[in-house]
Amino acid sequence: MSRSKAIGTKAETALRNYLLSAGYGQLEAHRNVLTGSEDEGDVWVRDPKHGLIVFEVKGGKAAKEASHEQMKKWFKEAELERDNAGGAYGFLVTQRTGVGYPRAGEWWAYGTLESMAYIADSSVLERGAFIRTTVAELVRLIRGEG
């Protein structure tokens, strides 16, 4: 396995482990294997209320040092992968500088404000705004834990 694939696998596993620790079961939080040109995301959550949520995960130095423009490109990948998987929502998750794999809940989660609004059961937020939050905050929103 190449170094970059190993870093990706470690980051994806860290996110899945966080989701399991946040209360999702083995059948709800799933790490995908590569599927070729029709990639369907790195990690899935099958949430009882919100359906299939697809995560594109980036770890290591590239994620920690990525520019905002790179984040937007990766987020577009997440949206395409969400569509490929037939998911309801797609998010980009990136490792943060100084925050290791055991603390994946503190990594950044990127999505549209529209997605966040639907997950939070609010329609008063501006549609299409690109935002960033921690994975832990996102999971609390998904689970309705405010």
N, C-alpha and C. Protein backbone atom coordinates (compact mmCIF):
# COMPACT_ATOMS: atom_id res chain seq x y z
N MET A 1 0.85 -1.18 0.00
CA MET A 1 0.00 0.00 0.00
C MET A 1 0.90 1.24 0.00
N SER A 2 0.54 2.23 -0.83
CA SER A 2 1.32 3.46 -0.90
C SER A 2 1.15 4.26 0.40
N ARG A 3 2.08 5.16 0.63
CA ARG A 3 2.04 5.99 1.84
C ARG A 3 0.75 6.82 1.89
N SER A 4 0.36 7.42 0.75
CA SER A 4 -0.85 8.26 0.75
C SER A 4 -2.11 7.42 1.01
N LYS A 5 -2.16 6.22 0.48
CA LYS A 5 -3.31 5.34 0.74
C LYS A 5 -3.34 4.93 2.21
N ALA A 6 -2.17 4.68 2.79
CA ALA A 6 -2.10 4.32 4.20
C ALA A 6 -2.59 5.47 5.09
N ILE A 7 -2.21 6.69 4.75
CA ILE A 7 -2.67 7.86 5.50
C ILE A 7 -4.18 7.99 5.37
N GLY A 8 -4.70 7.82 4.15
CA GLY A 8 -6.14 7.89 3.93
C GLY A 8 -6.90 6.84 4.71
N THR A 9 -6.39 5.61 4.68
CA THR A 9 -7.04 4.51 5.41
C THR A 9 -7.07 4.80 6.91
N LYS A 10 -5.96 5.32 7.43
CA LYS A 10 -5.89 5.64 8.86
C LYS A 10 -6.88 6.74 9.23
N ALA A 11 -6.99 7.76 8.39
CA ALA A 11 -7.93 8.86 8.65
C ALA A 11 -9.38 8.37 8.57
N GLU A 12 -9.69 7.57 7.55
CA GLU A 12 -11.06 7.04 7.40
C GLU A 12 -11.43 6.16 8.58
N THR A 13 -10.50 5.34 9.02
CA THR A 13 -10.75 4.47 10.18
C THR A 13 -10.96 5.30 11.44
N ALA A 14 -10.18 6.37 11.58
CA ALA A 14 -10.34 7.26 12.75
C ALA A 14 -11.73 7.88 12.77
N LEU A 15 -12.22 8.34 11.61
CA LEU A 15 -13.57 8.92 11.57
C LEU A 15 -14.61 7.87 11.91
N ARG A 16 -14.50 6.69 11.32
CA ARG A 16 -15.46 5.63 11.62
C ARG A 16 -15.44 5.30 13.11
N ASN A 17 -14.25 5.20 13.69
CA ASN A 17 -14.16 4.91 15.12
C ASN A 17 -14.82 6.00 15.95
N TYR A 18 -14.66 7.26 15.52
CA TYR A 18 -15.32 8.35 16.24
C TYR A 18 -16.84 8.18 16.16
N LEU A 19 -17.35 7.89 14.97
CA LEU A 19 -18.80 7.72 14.79
C LEU A 19 -19.32 6.59 15.66
N LEU A 20 -18.57 5.50 15.76
CA LEU A 20 -18.96 4.40 16.64
C LEU A 20 -19.00 4.87 18.10
N SER A 21 -18.00 5.65 18.50
CA SER A 21 -17.94 6.13 19.88
C SER A 21 -19.05 7.15 20.17
N ALA A 22 -19.58 7.80 19.10
CA ALA A 22 -20.65 8.79 19.26
C ALA A 22 -22.03 8.15 19.30
N GLY A 23 -22.08 6.81 19.21
CA GLY A 23 -23.36 6.14 19.37
C GLY A 23 -23.91 5.43 18.14
N TYR A 24 -23.24 5.55 17.02
CA TYR A 24 -23.69 4.80 15.84
C TYR A 24 -23.24 3.36 15.97
N GLY A 25 -24.05 2.44 15.47
CA GLY A 25 -23.73 1.02 15.53
C GLY A 25 -22.86 0.60 14.37
N GLN A 26 -22.39 -0.66 14.45
CA GLN A 26 -21.53 -1.23 13.42
C GLN A 26 -22.19 -1.19 12.04
N LEU A 27 -23.50 -1.34 11.98
CA LEU A 27 -24.21 -1.34 10.70
C LEU A 27 -24.56 0.07 10.22
N GLU A 28 -24.45 1.05 11.11
CA GLU A 28 -24.78 2.43 10.74
C GLU A 28 -23.55 3.20 10.25
N ALA A 29 -22.39 2.97 10.85
CA ALA A 29 -21.15 3.66 10.48
C ALA A 29 -20.29 2.68 9.69
N HIS A 30 -19.98 3.04 8.45
CA HIS A 30 -19.33 2.11 7.54
C HIS A 30 -18.18 2.80 6.82
N ARG A 31 -17.01 2.15 6.77
CA ARG A 31 -15.88 2.64 5.98
C ARG A 31 -15.87 1.89 4.66
N ASN A 32 -15.88 2.62 3.56
CA ASN A 32 -15.92 2.02 2.23
C ASN A 32 -14.52 1.69 1.72
N VAL A 33 -14.46 0.72 0.83
CA VAL A 33 -13.23 0.44 0.10
C VAL A 33 -13.32 1.18 -1.23
N LEU A 34 -12.19 1.39 -1.89
CA LEU A 34 -12.17 2.09 -3.16
C LEU A 34 -13.03 1.36 -4.19
N THR A 35 -13.81 2.14 -4.95
CA THR A 35 -14.70 1.54 -5.94
C THR A 35 -14.39 2.00 -7.36
N GLY A 36 -13.27 2.66 -7.58
CA GLY A 36 -12.92 3.09 -8.92
C GLY A 36 -13.46 4.46 -9.26
N SER A 37 -13.83 4.65 -10.53
CA SER A 37 -14.21 5.98 -11.01
C SER A 37 -15.55 6.47 -10.44
N GLU A 38 -16.36 5.58 -9.94
CA GLU A 38 -17.66 5.96 -9.37
C GLU A 38 -17.59 5.92 -7.84
N ASP A 39 -16.58 6.57 -7.28
CA ASP A 39 -16.36 6.56 -5.84
C ASP A 39 -17.61 7.01 -5.11
N GLU A 40 -17.93 6.33 -4.03
CA GLU A 40 -19.14 6.61 -3.25
C GLU A 40 -18.82 7.12 -1.85
N GLY A 41 -17.68 7.76 -1.69
CA GLY A 41 -17.30 8.32 -0.40
C GLY A 41 -16.47 7.36 0.41
N ASP A 42 -15.79 7.90 1.42
CA ASP A 42 -14.89 7.11 2.25
C ASP A 42 -15.59 6.46 3.43
N VAL A 43 -16.49 7.21 4.05
CA VAL A 43 -17.21 6.73 5.23
C VAL A 43 -18.68 7.10 5.06
N TRP A 44 -19.55 6.20 5.45
CA TRP A 44 -20.99 6.44 5.42
C TRP A 44 -21.55 6.35 6.83
N VAL A 45 -22.61 7.11 7.06
CA VAL A 45 -23.46 6.93 8.23
C VAL A 45 -24.87 6.74 7.70
N ARG A 46 -25.52 5.69 8.14
CA ARG A 46 -26.94 5.50 7.85
C ARG A 46 -27.70 5.95 9.10
N ASP A 47 -28.12 7.20 9.05
CA ASP A 47 -28.79 7.79 10.19
C ASP A 47 -30.29 7.55 10.07
N PRO A 48 -30.93 7.08 11.15
CA PRO A 48 -32.36 6.77 11.08
C PRO A 48 -33.23 7.95 10.67
N LYS A 49 -32.85 9.15 11.04
CA LYS A 49 -33.65 10.34 10.75
C LYS A 49 -33.27 10.98 9.41
N HIS A 50 -31.97 11.00 9.09
CA HIS A 50 -31.48 11.78 7.95
C HIS A 50 -31.05 10.94 6.75
N GLY A 51 -31.10 9.64 6.86
CA GLY A 51 -30.73 8.80 5.73
C GLY A 51 -29.22 8.63 5.60
N LEU A 52 -28.79 8.36 4.37
CA LEU A 52 -27.38 8.10 4.11
C LEU A 52 -26.59 9.40 4.04
N ILE A 53 -25.57 9.49 4.89
CA ILE A 53 -24.68 10.64 4.93
C ILE A 53 -23.30 10.15 4.51
N VAL A 54 -22.72 10.83 3.51
CA VAL A 54 -21.46 10.41 2.90
C VAL A 54 -20.36 11.38 3.30
N PHE A 55 -19.22 10.83 3.72
CA PHE A 55 -18.06 11.64 4.12
C PHE A 55 -16.88 11.36 3.20
N GLU A 56 -16.28 12.42 2.68
CA GLU A 56 -14.98 12.35 2.01
C GLU A 56 -13.97 12.74 3.08
N VAL A 57 -12.95 11.91 3.32
CA VAL A 57 -12.04 12.12 4.44
C VAL A 57 -10.62 12.36 3.92
N LYS A 58 -9.97 13.40 4.45
CA LYS A 58 -8.58 13.71 4.09
C LYS A 58 -7.77 13.82 5.38
N GLY A 59 -6.63 13.16 5.40
CA GLY A 59 -5.77 13.19 6.59
C GLY A 59 -4.34 13.51 6.22
N GLY A 60 -3.50 13.58 7.24
CA GLY A 60 -2.08 13.81 7.04
C GLY A 60 -1.73 15.25 6.71
N LYS A 61 -0.50 15.44 6.26
CA LYS A 61 0.04 16.77 5.99
C LYS A 61 -0.77 17.52 4.94
N ALA A 62 -1.20 16.81 3.89
CA ALA A 62 -1.97 17.47 2.83
C ALA A 62 -3.24 18.11 3.39
N ALA A 63 -3.93 17.41 4.28
CA ALA A 63 -5.16 17.95 4.87
C ALA A 63 -4.86 19.10 5.83
N LYS A 64 -3.82 18.94 6.61
CA LYS A 64 -3.49 19.96 7.61
C LYS A 64 -3.04 21.27 6.98
N GLU A 65 -2.45 21.19 5.79
CA GLU A 65 -1.88 22.39 5.15
C GLU A 65 -2.67 22.86 3.93
N ALA A 66 -3.80 22.27 3.66
CA ALA A 66 -4.55 22.59 2.45
C ALA A 66 -5.11 24.01 2.48
N SER A 67 -5.13 24.64 1.32
CA SER A 67 -5.70 25.98 1.18
C SER A 67 -7.23 25.89 1.17
N HIS A 68 -7.85 27.02 1.31
CA HIS A 68 -9.31 27.08 1.25
C HIS A 68 -9.79 26.60 -0.12
N GLU A 69 -9.09 26.99 -1.18
CA GLU A 69 -9.46 26.55 -2.53
C GLU A 69 -9.37 25.04 -2.67
N GLN A 70 -8.35 24.43 -2.06
CA GLN A 70 -8.23 22.97 -2.10
C GLN A 70 -9.39 22.34 -1.34
N MET A 71 -9.75 22.93 -0.21
CA MET A 71 -10.89 22.41 0.56
C MET A 71 -12.16 22.43 -0.27
N LYS A 72 -12.36 23.50 -1.03
CA LYS A 72 -13.55 23.60 -1.87
C LYS A 72 -13.53 22.53 -2.96
N LYS A 73 -12.37 22.24 -3.54
CA LYS A 73 -12.26 21.18 -4.55
C LYS A 73 -12.59 19.83 -3.93
N TRP A 74 -12.02 19.57 -2.76
CA TRP A 74 -12.31 18.31 -2.07
C TRP A 74 -13.78 18.21 -1.72
N PHE A 75 -14.39 19.34 -1.34
CA PHE A 75 -15.81 19.31 -1.01
C PHE A 75 -16.64 18.96 -2.24
N LYS A 76 -16.26 19.48 -3.39
CA LYS A 76 -16.96 19.12 -4.64
C LYS A 76 -16.88 17.61 -4.87
N GLU A 77 -15.73 16.99 -4.54
CA GLU A 77 -15.59 15.53 -4.61
C GLU A 77 -16.61 14.87 -3.68
N ALA A 78 -16.74 15.42 -2.48
CA ALA A 78 -17.68 14.86 -1.51
C ALA A 78 -19.11 14.90 -2.06
N GLU A 79 -19.47 16.01 -2.71
CA GLU A 79 -20.81 16.12 -3.28
C GLU A 79 -21.03 15.12 -4.41
N LEU A 80 -20.02 14.94 -5.27
CA LEU A 80 -20.12 13.97 -6.35
C LEU A 80 -20.25 12.56 -5.79
N GLU A 81 -19.46 12.25 -4.77
CA GLU A 81 -19.51 10.93 -4.15
C GLU A 81 -20.84 10.69 -3.45
N ARG A 82 -21.39 11.73 -2.85
CA ARG A 82 -22.73 11.64 -2.26
C ARG A 82 -23.75 11.26 -3.33
N ASP A 83 -23.66 11.93 -4.47
CA ASP A 83 -24.57 11.63 -5.58
C ASP A 83 -24.37 10.20 -6.09
N ASN A 84 -23.11 9.78 -6.23
CA ASN A 84 -22.81 8.42 -6.69
C ASN A 84 -23.41 7.37 -5.75
N ALA A 85 -23.40 7.68 -4.45
CA ALA A 85 -23.89 6.73 -3.44
C ALA A 85 -25.40 6.85 -3.23
N GLY A 86 -26.01 7.86 -3.81
CA GLY A 86 -27.44 8.09 -3.57
C GLY A 86 -27.70 8.62 -2.17
N GLY A 87 -26.72 9.33 -1.62
CA GLY A 87 -26.84 9.84 -0.26
C GLY A 87 -27.68 11.10 -0.16
N ALA A 88 -28.14 11.37 1.03
CA ALA A 88 -28.92 12.57 1.30
C ALA A 88 -28.01 13.78 1.52
N TYR A 89 -26.86 13.56 2.14
CA TYR A 89 -25.94 14.64 2.49
C TYR A 89 -24.52 14.18 2.22
N GLY A 90 -23.64 15.15 1.92
CA GLY A 90 -22.23 14.87 1.74
C GLY A 90 -21.40 15.91 2.46
N PHE A 91 -20.37 15.45 3.16
CA PHE A 91 -19.49 16.34 3.92
C PHE A 91 -18.03 15.97 3.67
N LEU A 92 -17.17 16.96 3.74
CA LEU A 92 -15.73 16.77 3.71
C LEU A 92 -15.24 16.84 5.14
N VAL A 93 -14.40 15.88 5.53
CA VAL A 93 -13.79 15.87 6.86
C VAL A 93 -12.28 15.91 6.68
N THR A 94 -11.62 16.85 7.36
CA THR A 94 -10.16 16.96 7.27
C THR A 94 -9.52 16.96 8.66
N GLN A 95 -8.39 16.31 8.71
CA GLN A 95 -7.61 16.31 9.95
C GLN A 95 -7.08 17.72 10.20
N ARG A 96 -7.02 18.10 11.46
CA ARG A 96 -6.51 19.41 11.85
C ARG A 96 -5.08 19.30 12.37
N THR A 97 -4.32 20.36 12.17
CA THR A 97 -2.96 20.42 12.72
C THR A 97 -3.03 20.27 14.23
N GLY A 98 -2.21 19.39 14.77
CA GLY A 98 -2.14 19.19 16.21
C GLY A 98 -3.24 18.29 16.77
N VAL A 99 -4.07 17.72 15.90
CA VAL A 99 -5.18 16.88 16.36
C VAL A 99 -5.02 15.51 15.69
N GLY A 100 -4.60 14.53 16.48
CA GLY A 100 -4.30 13.21 15.95
C GLY A 100 -5.52 12.35 15.71
N TYR A 101 -5.25 11.15 15.25
CA TYR A 101 -6.31 10.21 14.87
C TYR A 101 -7.25 9.83 16.02
N PRO A 102 -6.76 9.68 17.25
CA PRO A 102 -7.70 9.34 18.33
C PRO A 102 -8.71 10.45 18.64
N ARG A 103 -8.46 11.66 18.14
CA ARG A 103 -9.34 12.80 18.41
C ARG A 103 -10.06 13.27 17.15
N ALA A 104 -10.47 12.33 16.30
CA ALA A 104 -11.11 12.67 15.03
C ALA A 104 -12.39 13.49 15.20
N GLY A 105 -13.01 13.42 16.34
CA GLY A 105 -14.19 14.24 16.61
C GLY A 105 -13.89 15.73 16.61
N GLU A 106 -12.62 16.09 16.74
CA GLU A 106 -12.21 17.50 16.73
C GLU A 106 -11.71 17.95 15.36
N TRP A 107 -11.76 17.09 14.37
CA TRP A 107 -11.37 17.47 13.01
C TRP A 107 -12.41 18.39 12.41
N TRP A 108 -12.09 19.01 11.26
CA TRP A 108 -13.02 19.90 10.60
C TRP A 108 -13.99 19.12 9.71
N ALA A 109 -15.22 19.56 9.70
CA ALA A 109 -16.24 19.02 8.79
C ALA A 109 -16.75 20.19 7.96
N TYR A 110 -16.72 20.02 6.64
CA TYR A 110 -17.16 21.06 5.71
C TYR A 110 -18.43 20.61 5.01
N GLY A 111 -19.35 21.54 4.83
CA GLY A 111 -20.58 21.26 4.11
C GLY A 111 -21.26 22.55 3.76
N THR A 112 -22.42 22.45 3.17
CA THR A 112 -23.17 23.67 2.88
C THR A 112 -24.04 24.00 4.08
N LEU A 113 -24.32 25.25 4.22
CA LEU A 113 -25.20 25.68 5.30
C LEU A 113 -26.59 25.10 5.09
N GLU A 114 -26.97 24.91 3.83
CA GLU A 114 -28.25 24.28 3.52
C GLU A 114 -28.34 22.89 4.16
N SER A 115 -27.29 22.09 3.98
CA SER A 115 -27.28 20.75 4.59
C SER A 115 -27.33 20.84 6.10
N MET A 116 -26.55 21.77 6.66
CA MET A 116 -26.56 21.94 8.10
C MET A 116 -27.95 22.37 8.58
N ALA A 117 -28.60 23.24 7.83
CA ALA A 117 -29.92 23.71 8.22
C ALA A 117 -30.94 22.57 8.22
N TYR A 118 -30.90 21.74 7.18
CA TYR A 118 -31.84 20.61 7.14
C TYR A 118 -31.57 19.63 8.28
N ILE A 119 -30.31 19.38 8.54
CA ILE A 119 -29.96 18.47 9.63
C ILE A 119 -30.40 19.05 10.96
N ALA A 120 -30.26 20.36 11.10
CA ALA A 120 -30.63 21.04 12.35
C ALA A 120 -32.11 21.40 12.39
N ASP A 121 -32.89 20.97 11.37
CA ASP A 121 -34.32 21.28 11.28
C ASP A 121 -34.59 22.78 11.28
N SER A 122 -33.78 23.52 10.55
CA SER A 122 -33.96 24.96 10.45
C SER A 122 -33.88 25.36 8.98
N SER A 123 -34.77 26.22 8.53
CA SER A 123 -34.73 26.67 7.15
C SER A 123 -34.43 28.16 7.04
N VAL A 124 -33.98 28.77 8.12
CA VAL A 124 -33.74 30.21 8.09
C VAL A 124 -32.30 30.56 7.72
N LEU A 125 -31.47 29.57 7.48
CA LEU A 125 -30.08 29.83 7.16
C LEU A 125 -29.88 29.98 5.66
N GLU A 126 -28.89 30.76 5.25
CA GLU A 126 -28.62 31.01 3.84
C GLU A 126 -28.21 29.73 3.11
N ARG A 127 -28.83 29.46 1.99
CA ARG A 127 -28.54 28.25 1.20
C ARG A 127 -27.21 28.40 0.46
N GLY A 128 -26.46 27.30 0.38
CA GLY A 128 -25.26 27.26 -0.44
C GLY A 128 -24.01 27.86 0.18
N ALA A 129 -24.08 28.42 1.39
CA ALA A 129 -22.89 28.96 2.02
C ALA A 129 -21.98 27.82 2.44
N PHE A 130 -20.69 27.96 2.20
CA PHE A 130 -19.70 26.94 2.52
C PHE A 130 -19.23 27.17 3.95
N ILE A 131 -19.37 26.17 4.81
CA ILE A 131 -19.03 26.36 6.21
C ILE A 131 -18.13 25.25 6.71
N ARG A 132 -17.55 25.45 7.88
CA ARG A 132 -16.69 24.46 8.51
C ARG A 132 -17.08 24.38 9.97
N THR A 133 -17.09 23.15 10.48
CA THR A 133 -17.36 22.92 11.89
C THR A 133 -16.56 21.70 12.30
N THR A 134 -16.57 21.38 13.56
CA THR A 134 -15.88 20.16 13.97
C THR A 134 -16.79 18.96 13.70
N VAL A 135 -16.18 17.81 13.55
CA VAL A 135 -16.94 16.58 13.35
C VAL A 135 -17.87 16.35 14.53
N ALA A 136 -17.40 16.61 15.74
CA ALA A 136 -18.23 16.41 16.93
C ALA A 136 -19.49 17.27 16.88
N GLU A 137 -19.35 18.53 16.46
CA GLU A 137 -20.51 19.41 16.35
C GLU A 137 -21.46 18.91 15.27
N LEU A 138 -20.91 18.45 14.15
CA LEU A 138 -21.74 17.92 13.07
C LEU A 138 -22.53 16.71 13.53
N VAL A 139 -21.87 15.79 14.24
CA VAL A 139 -22.55 14.57 14.70
C VAL A 139 -23.64 14.94 15.70
N ARG A 140 -23.40 15.93 16.57
CA ARG A 140 -24.43 16.37 17.50
C ARG A 140 -25.65 16.91 16.74
N LEU A 141 -25.41 17.65 15.65
CA LEU A 141 -26.51 18.15 14.83
C LEU A 141 -27.27 17.01 14.17
N ILE A 142 -26.52 16.06 13.59
CA ILE A 142 -27.16 14.92 12.92
C ILE A 142 -28.04 14.16 13.90
N ARG A 143 -27.55 13.97 15.10
CA ARG A 143 -28.27 13.17 16.10
C ARG A 143 -29.32 13.99 16.86
N GLY A 144 -29.43 15.29 16.57
CA GLY A 144 -30.44 16.12 17.24
C GLY A 144 -30.11 16.42 18.68
N GLU A 145 -28.83 16.44 18.99
CA GLU A 145 -28.39 16.65 20.37
C GLU A 145 -27.97 18.11 20.61
N GLY A 146 -28.27 18.98 19.66
CA GLY A 146 -28.05 20.40 19.77
C GLY A 146 -26.69 20.82 20.09
